[in-house]
């Protein structure tokens, strides 16, 4: 099942990358907003290449929707990278949002010592709550918010009037999600539009993981005594419990998929994290192996074409 890839890089995002490359040398701290449920999949690998030696604050937003124990594991993991500081917040608590500015000051004390504003840049893929954080920090509506990806379209500088100037950037999703697992997780949490991938396939992938990692949550939410062995049977059981029936009593899988993904995104299943550091390590090895296999196949096909050409030329 895990063979889908998202390729979703609108023109305005390509432009945003160019703008970021120009601005990064002029800033002191980078703030990257992540979804606490998918810290790796919502992380943008472009930032690692664009940041240079700038300190980075990884803000795991929506911690209230994530598994607290897994959030702690992820913060420890992220801070293993040089110059990275991690913190978990929910925008439901203003005091937690304010900690971002405290962390900025701690990472750029030289600017305050000189009486100058700390220049920060906030980044994040679509729908991680970046705009809500900006509005909370500014104390007024600066950025549009919405539950659909890619609301912010142009870069803007915001003086927070507290010694920090914030550069906002359009939500960037990288050119190609090489890890297919990440593609499904991004779709499950709503980081990409529901039309970007097959909706039912996303639900199948998600429910299979939940049955493995959080079986009791599924049983409690959908009043299931036992969990079926396959993801299709499980989705049918959820659909039957929720009355998603077509003529003849058949389960409407699409409606059942909508219910599951809505419940996940709304936190109705409790705090859930869809990935762990050790899972990611295994997946990245698989991605490397698959990439190498495709490259070898491509080279072999090219050589075969060359030989056919030379043979026909004789």
Protein backbone atom coordinates (compact mmCIF):
# COMPACT_ATOMS: atom_id res chain seq x y z
CA UNK A 1 0.00 0.00 0.00
CA UNK A 2 2.79 2.42 0.88
CA UNK A 3 3.74 3.54 -2.61
CA UNK A 4 2.13 6.97 -2.91
CA UNK A 5 4.24 10.10 -3.16
CA UNK A 6 3.15 13.67 -2.81
CA UNK A 7 4.57 16.09 -5.33
CA UNK A 8 3.11 19.40 -4.27
CA UNK A 9 5.28 22.45 -4.81
CA UNK A 10 3.26 25.39 -6.15
CA UNK A 11 5.09 28.24 -7.85
CA UNK A 12 4.68 30.58 -4.89
CA UNK A 13 6.57 28.08 -2.74
CA UNK A 14 9.49 27.98 -5.16
CA UNK A 15 9.59 31.77 -4.95
CA UNK A 16 9.46 31.57 -1.15
CA UNK A 17 12.55 29.38 -1.06
CA UNK A 18 14.48 31.99 -3.03
CA UNK A 19 13.31 34.72 -0.66
CA UNK A 20 14.31 32.67 2.38
CA UNK A 21 17.78 32.08 0.97
CA UNK A 22 18.20 35.85 0.71
CA UNK A 23 16.87 36.61 4.21
CA UNK A 24 18.59 33.88 6.28
CA UNK A 25 22.01 35.63 6.41
CA UNK A 26 20.30 38.67 7.98
CA UNK A 27 18.52 36.88 10.84
CA UNK A 28 19.59 35.64 14.27
CA UNK A 29 17.21 32.76 15.04
CA UNK A 30 15.05 30.42 12.93
CA UNK A 31 11.76 29.19 14.37
CA UNK A 32 10.43 26.05 12.70
CA UNK A 33 6.90 25.06 13.63
CA UNK A 34 6.26 21.30 13.52
CA UNK A 35 3.16 19.21 14.08
CA UNK A 36 3.81 17.35 17.35
CA UNK A 37 1.97 14.31 15.95
CA UNK A 38 4.42 14.00 13.02
CA UNK A 39 7.65 15.82 14.00
CA UNK A 40 9.76 14.20 11.27
CA UNK A 41 7.22 14.26 8.48
CA UNK A 42 6.35 17.92 9.16
CA UNK A 43 10.02 18.88 9.33
CA UNK A 44 11.33 20.55 6.19
CA UNK A 45 14.72 19.18 5.08
CA UNK A 46 15.28 22.39 3.10
CA UNK A 47 15.73 24.24 6.39
CA UNK A 48 18.71 22.10 7.28
CA UNK A 49 20.40 23.16 4.05
CA UNK A 50 19.32 26.82 4.26
CA UNK A 51 20.04 27.59 7.92
CA UNK A 52 23.85 27.48 7.87
CA UNK A 53 24.97 27.84 11.50
CA UNK A 54 21.89 29.79 12.63
CA UNK A 55 20.28 28.46 15.84
CA UNK A 56 16.91 26.79 15.29
CA UNK A 57 13.97 26.48 17.65
CA UNK A 58 11.86 23.44 16.77
CA UNK A 59 8.37 24.23 18.06
CA UNK A 60 6.25 21.09 18.35
CA UNK A 61 2.82 22.66 18.07
CA UNK A 62 -0.49 20.90 18.76
CA UNK A 63 1.07 19.04 21.68
CA UNK A 64 -2.47 18.65 23.06
CA UNK A 65 -3.27 16.37 20.10
CA UNK A 66 -0.07 14.30 20.44
CA UNK A 67 1.06 11.50 22.74
CA UNK A 68 2.90 13.28 25.62
CA UNK A 69 5.43 10.48 26.13
CA UNK A 70 6.29 10.45 22.43
CA UNK A 71 6.60 14.24 22.39
CA UNK A 72 9.29 14.02 25.09
CA UNK A 73 11.13 11.38 23.07
CA UNK A 74 10.99 13.54 19.95
CA UNK A 75 12.27 16.66 21.70
CA UNK A 76 15.28 14.74 23.01
CA UNK A 77 15.88 13.32 19.54
CA UNK A 78 15.65 16.68 17.76
CA UNK A 79 18.06 18.36 20.17
CA UNK A 80 20.79 15.92 19.19
CA UNK A 81 21.35 18.11 16.13
CA UNK A 82 23.88 20.89 16.66
CA UNK A 83 22.28 24.28 17.34
CA UNK A 84 18.73 22.94 17.72
CA UNK A 85 16.49 23.69 20.69
CA UNK A 86 13.09 21.96 20.94
CA UNK A 87 9.92 22.87 22.79
CA UNK A 88 6.30 21.64 22.79
CA UNK A 89 3.34 24.02 22.92
CA UNK A 90 -0.35 24.39 22.30
CA UNK A 91 -1.75 27.66 21.02
CA UNK A 92 -4.60 27.17 23.49
CA UNK A 93 -2.17 28.41 26.18
CA UNK A 94 -0.79 31.92 25.61
CA UNK A 95 1.93 31.39 28.22
CA UNK A 96 3.30 28.48 26.19
CA UNK A 97 3.37 30.55 23.00
CA UNK A 98 5.23 33.33 24.85
CA UNK A 99 8.01 30.87 25.69
CA UNK A 100 9.05 31.00 22.04
CA UNK A 101 10.20 34.61 22.48
CA UNK A 102 11.98 33.73 25.72
CA UNK A 103 13.88 31.03 23.83
CA UNK A 104 14.75 33.51 21.05
CA UNK A 105 16.32 35.87 23.59
CA UNK A 106 18.28 33.03 25.16
CA UNK A 107 19.71 32.05 21.76
CA UNK A 108 20.66 35.59 20.69
CA UNK A 109 21.78 37.39 23.88
CA UNK A 110 24.33 39.47 21.96
CA UNK A 111 21.55 41.36 20.15
CA UNK A 112 19.85 42.37 23.40
CA UNK A 113 23.19 43.33 24.91
CA UNK A 114 23.69 45.76 22.01
CA UNK A 115 20.16 47.13 22.45
CA UNK A 116 19.11 45.79 19.06
CA UNK A 117 16.05 43.81 18.01
CA UNK A 118 16.45 40.07 17.68
CA UNK A 119 15.76 39.17 14.06
CA UNK A 120 13.86 35.90 13.80
CA UNK A 121 12.24 33.99 10.97
CA UNK A 122 9.31 31.63 11.44
CA UNK A 123 8.88 28.70 9.06
CA UNK A 124 6.65 25.68 8.79
CA UNK A 125 4.83 23.50 6.32
CA UNK A 126 1.15 24.27 5.70
CA UNK A 127 -1.43 23.76 8.43
CA UNK A 128 0.90 23.37 11.43
CA UNK A 129 -0.55 26.42 13.18
CA UNK A 130 2.16 28.90 12.24
CA UNK A 131 -0.26 31.75 11.56
CA UNK A 132 -2.06 31.21 14.87
CA UNK A 133 1.28 31.41 16.68
CA UNK A 134 2.16 34.65 14.89
CA UNK A 135 -1.16 36.24 15.84
CA UNK A 136 -0.72 35.12 19.46
CA UNK A 137 2.79 36.58 19.63
CA UNK A 138 1.70 39.85 18.02
CA UNK A 139 -1.44 40.18 20.12
CA UNK A 140 -3.40 41.04 17.00
CA UNK A 141 -4.43 39.49 13.70
CA UNK A 142 -1.39 39.63 11.43
CA UNK A 143 -1.62 36.37 9.51
CA UNK A 144 -4.65 34.64 8.06
CA UNK A 145 -5.54 31.37 9.71
CA UNK A 146 -7.47 28.43 8.35
CA UNK A 147 -7.67 24.65 8.41
CA UNK A 148 -6.70 24.41 4.75
CA UNK A 149 -3.03 24.29 3.72
CA UNK A 150 -1.11 27.21 2.24
CA UNK A 151 -2.92 30.25 3.62
CA UNK A 152 0.18 32.45 3.89
CA UNK A 153 1.38 33.41 0.41
CA UNK A 154 3.94 36.19 0.83
CA UNK A 155 6.74 37.04 3.21
CA UNK A 156 6.18 39.77 5.78
CA UNK A 157 8.14 41.36 8.63
CA UNK A 158 6.38 41.91 11.94
CA UNK A 159 7.72 44.05 14.79
CA UNK A 160 6.40 42.35 17.91
CA UNK A 161 7.22 45.47 19.98
CA UNK A 162 9.08 43.36 22.53
CA UNK A 163 12.60 43.42 21.15
CA UNK A 164 11.90 40.79 18.51
CA UNK A 165 11.22 41.28 14.81
CA UNK A 166 9.61 38.29 13.13
CA UNK A 167 9.84 37.45 9.43
CA UNK A 168 6.94 35.28 8.35
CA UNK A 169 7.32 32.99 5.34
CA UNK A 170 4.81 31.13 3.17
CA UNK A 171 4.14 27.57 4.26
CA UNK A 172 6.63 25.41 2.41
CA UNK A 173 6.17 21.77 1.56
CA UNK A 174 9.27 20.33 -0.01
CA UNK A 175 9.36 19.44 -3.72
CA UNK A 176 8.92 15.70 -3.29
CA UNK A 177 8.12 13.60 -0.25
CA UNK A 178 10.52 10.70 -0.81
CA UNK A 179 9.37 8.74 2.24
CA UNK A 180 5.92 7.40 1.27
CA UNK A 181 5.07 6.89 4.95
CA UNK A 182 5.52 10.62 5.48
CA UNK A 183 3.19 11.28 2.58
CA UNK A 184 0.41 9.33 4.26
CA UNK A 185 1.01 10.99 7.64
CA UNK A 186 0.96 14.47 6.12
CA UNK A 187 -2.34 13.63 4.46
CA UNK A 188 -3.77 12.08 7.63
CA UNK A 189 -3.12 15.21 9.70
CA UNK A 190 -4.35 17.59 6.99
CA UNK A 191 -1.00 19.13 6.04
CA UNK A 192 -1.91 18.59 2.40
CA UNK A 193 -5.29 18.97 0.78
CA UNK A 194 -7.47 15.87 0.86
CA UNK A 195 -7.36 15.76 -2.93
CA UNK A 196 -3.55 15.29 -2.97
CA UNK A 197 -3.80 11.57 -2.17
CA UNK A 198 -6.45 8.87 -2.28
CA UNK A 199 -8.59 9.56 0.79
CA UNK A 200 -9.52 5.95 1.48
CA UNK A 201 -5.90 4.81 1.14
CA UNK A 202 -4.88 7.42 3.71
CA UNK A 203 -7.52 6.10 6.10
CA UNK A 204 -6.39 2.48 5.54
CA UNK A 205 -2.79 3.44 6.28
CA UNK A 206 -3.80 5.41 9.38
CA UNK A 207 -6.10 2.80 10.88
CA UNK A 208 -3.48 0.08 10.36
CA UNK A 209 -0.99 2.12 12.39
CA UNK A 210 -3.55 2.96 15.08
CA UNK A 211 -4.50 -0.70 15.44
CA UNK A 212 -0.85 -1.47 16.12
CA UNK A 213 0.11 1.50 18.33
CA UNK A 214 -3.18 2.56 19.95
CA UNK A 215 -5.64 -0.37 19.66
CA UNK A 216 -7.50 0.53 22.84
CA UNK A 217 -8.27 4.01 21.47
CA UNK A 218 -10.01 2.51 18.44
CA UNK A 219 -11.94 0.05 20.58
CA UNK A 220 -13.11 2.76 22.96
CA UNK A 221 -13.99 5.37 20.34
CA UNK A 222 -15.89 3.04 18.01
CA UNK A 223 -17.16 0.56 20.62
CA UNK A 224 -15.39 -2.43 19.11
CA UNK A 225 -14.99 -5.56 21.26
CA UNK A 226 -12.23 -6.92 19.03
CA UNK A 227 -10.19 -5.42 16.22
CA UNK A 228 -10.35 -7.22 12.84
CA UNK A 229 -7.04 -8.38 11.40
CA UNK A 230 -6.99 -6.30 8.21
CA UNK A 231 -7.32 -2.55 7.78
CA UNK A 232 -10.19 -3.00 5.30
CA UNK A 233 -12.19 -5.11 7.75
CA UNK A 234 -11.43 -2.60 10.49
CA UNK A 235 -12.69 0.32 8.40
CA UNK A 236 -15.81 -1.71 7.61
CA UNK A 237 -16.35 -2.32 11.33
CA UNK A 238 -15.98 1.40 12.09
CA UNK A 239 -18.34 2.26 9.25
CA UNK A 240 -20.94 -0.25 10.43
CA UNK A 241 -20.81 1.13 13.98
CA UNK A 242 -21.27 4.68 12.70
CA UNK A 243 -24.09 3.84 10.30
CA UNK A 244 -22.12 4.43 7.10
CA UNK A 245 -24.25 2.05 5.08
CA UNK A 246 -25.23 2.00 1.43
CA UNK A 247 -28.17 0.26 -0.17
CA UNK A 248 -28.05 -3.44 0.56
CA UNK A 249 -26.24 -2.91 3.85
CA UNK A 250 -22.78 -2.45 2.34
CA UNK A 251 -20.43 -0.16 4.27
CA UNK A 252 -19.58 3.18 2.65
CA UNK A 253 -15.80 3.08 3.11
CA UNK A 254 -15.35 6.69 2.02
CA UNK A 255 -17.72 7.97 4.71
CA UNK A 256 -16.02 5.75 7.29
CA UNK A 257 -12.67 7.18 6.17
CA UNK A 258 -13.97 10.72 6.64
CA UNK A 259 -15.09 9.87 10.18
CA UNK A 260 -11.75 8.31 11.15
CA UNK A 261 -9.60 11.15 9.77
CA UNK A 262 -11.88 13.82 11.24
CA UNK A 263 -11.64 12.15 14.65
CA UNK A 264 -7.85 11.95 14.38
CA UNK A 265 -7.48 15.61 13.39
CA UNK A 266 -9.90 16.80 16.09
CA UNK A 267 -8.20 14.82 18.86
CA UNK A 268 -11.29 12.67 19.44
CA UNK A 269 -9.07 9.58 19.65
CA UNK A 270 -6.94 11.15 22.38
CA UNK A 271 -3.29 12.21 22.15
CA UNK A 272 -1.75 10.30 19.25
CA UNK A 273 1.66 10.47 17.61
CA UNK A 274 1.97 8.81 14.21
CA UNK A 275 5.73 8.25 14.12
CA UNK A 276 8.74 7.54 16.34
CA UNK A 277 12.47 8.18 15.78
CA UNK A 278 13.31 4.47 15.47
CA UNK A 279 10.54 4.01 12.89
CA UNK A 280 11.95 6.86 10.84
CA UNK A 281 15.46 5.37 10.84
CA UNK A 282 14.09 2.12 9.41
CA UNK A 283 12.00 3.94 6.82
CA UNK A 284 14.91 6.09 5.65
CA UNK A 285 17.02 2.98 5.08
CA UNK A 286 14.17 1.55 2.99
CA UNK A 287 13.96 4.80 1.01
CA UNK A 288 17.72 4.70 0.30
CA UNK A 289 17.50 1.07 -0.82
CA UNK A 290 14.52 1.81 -3.09
CA UNK A 291 16.27 4.86 -4.55
CA UNK A 292 19.40 2.80 -5.25
CA UNK A 293 17.28 0.07 -6.87
CA UNK A 294 15.54 2.58 -9.14
CA UNK A 295 18.84 4.20 -10.12
CA UNK A 296 20.36 0.79 -10.94
CA UNK A 297 17.29 -0.11 -13.01
CA UNK A 298 17.48 3.22 -14.81
CA UNK A 299 21.18 2.71 -15.58
CA UNK A 300 20.54 -0.84 -16.81
CA UNK A 301 17.76 0.36 -19.13
CA UNK A 302 19.98 3.11 -20.46
CA UNK A 303 22.78 0.63 -21.16
CA UNK A 304 20.34 -1.74 -22.89
CA UNK A 305 19.13 1.09 -25.12
CA UNK A 306 22.72 2.00 -25.95
CA UNK A 307 23.53 -1.57 -26.94
CA UNK A 308 20.41 -1.83 -29.11
CA UNK A 309 21.35 1.42 -30.82
CA UNK A 310 24.90 0.23 -31.53
CA UNK A 311 23.63 -3.13 -32.79
CA UNK A 312 21.13 -1.52 -35.16
CA UNK A 313 23.78 0.89 -36.41
CA UNK A 314 26.01 -1.91 -37.70
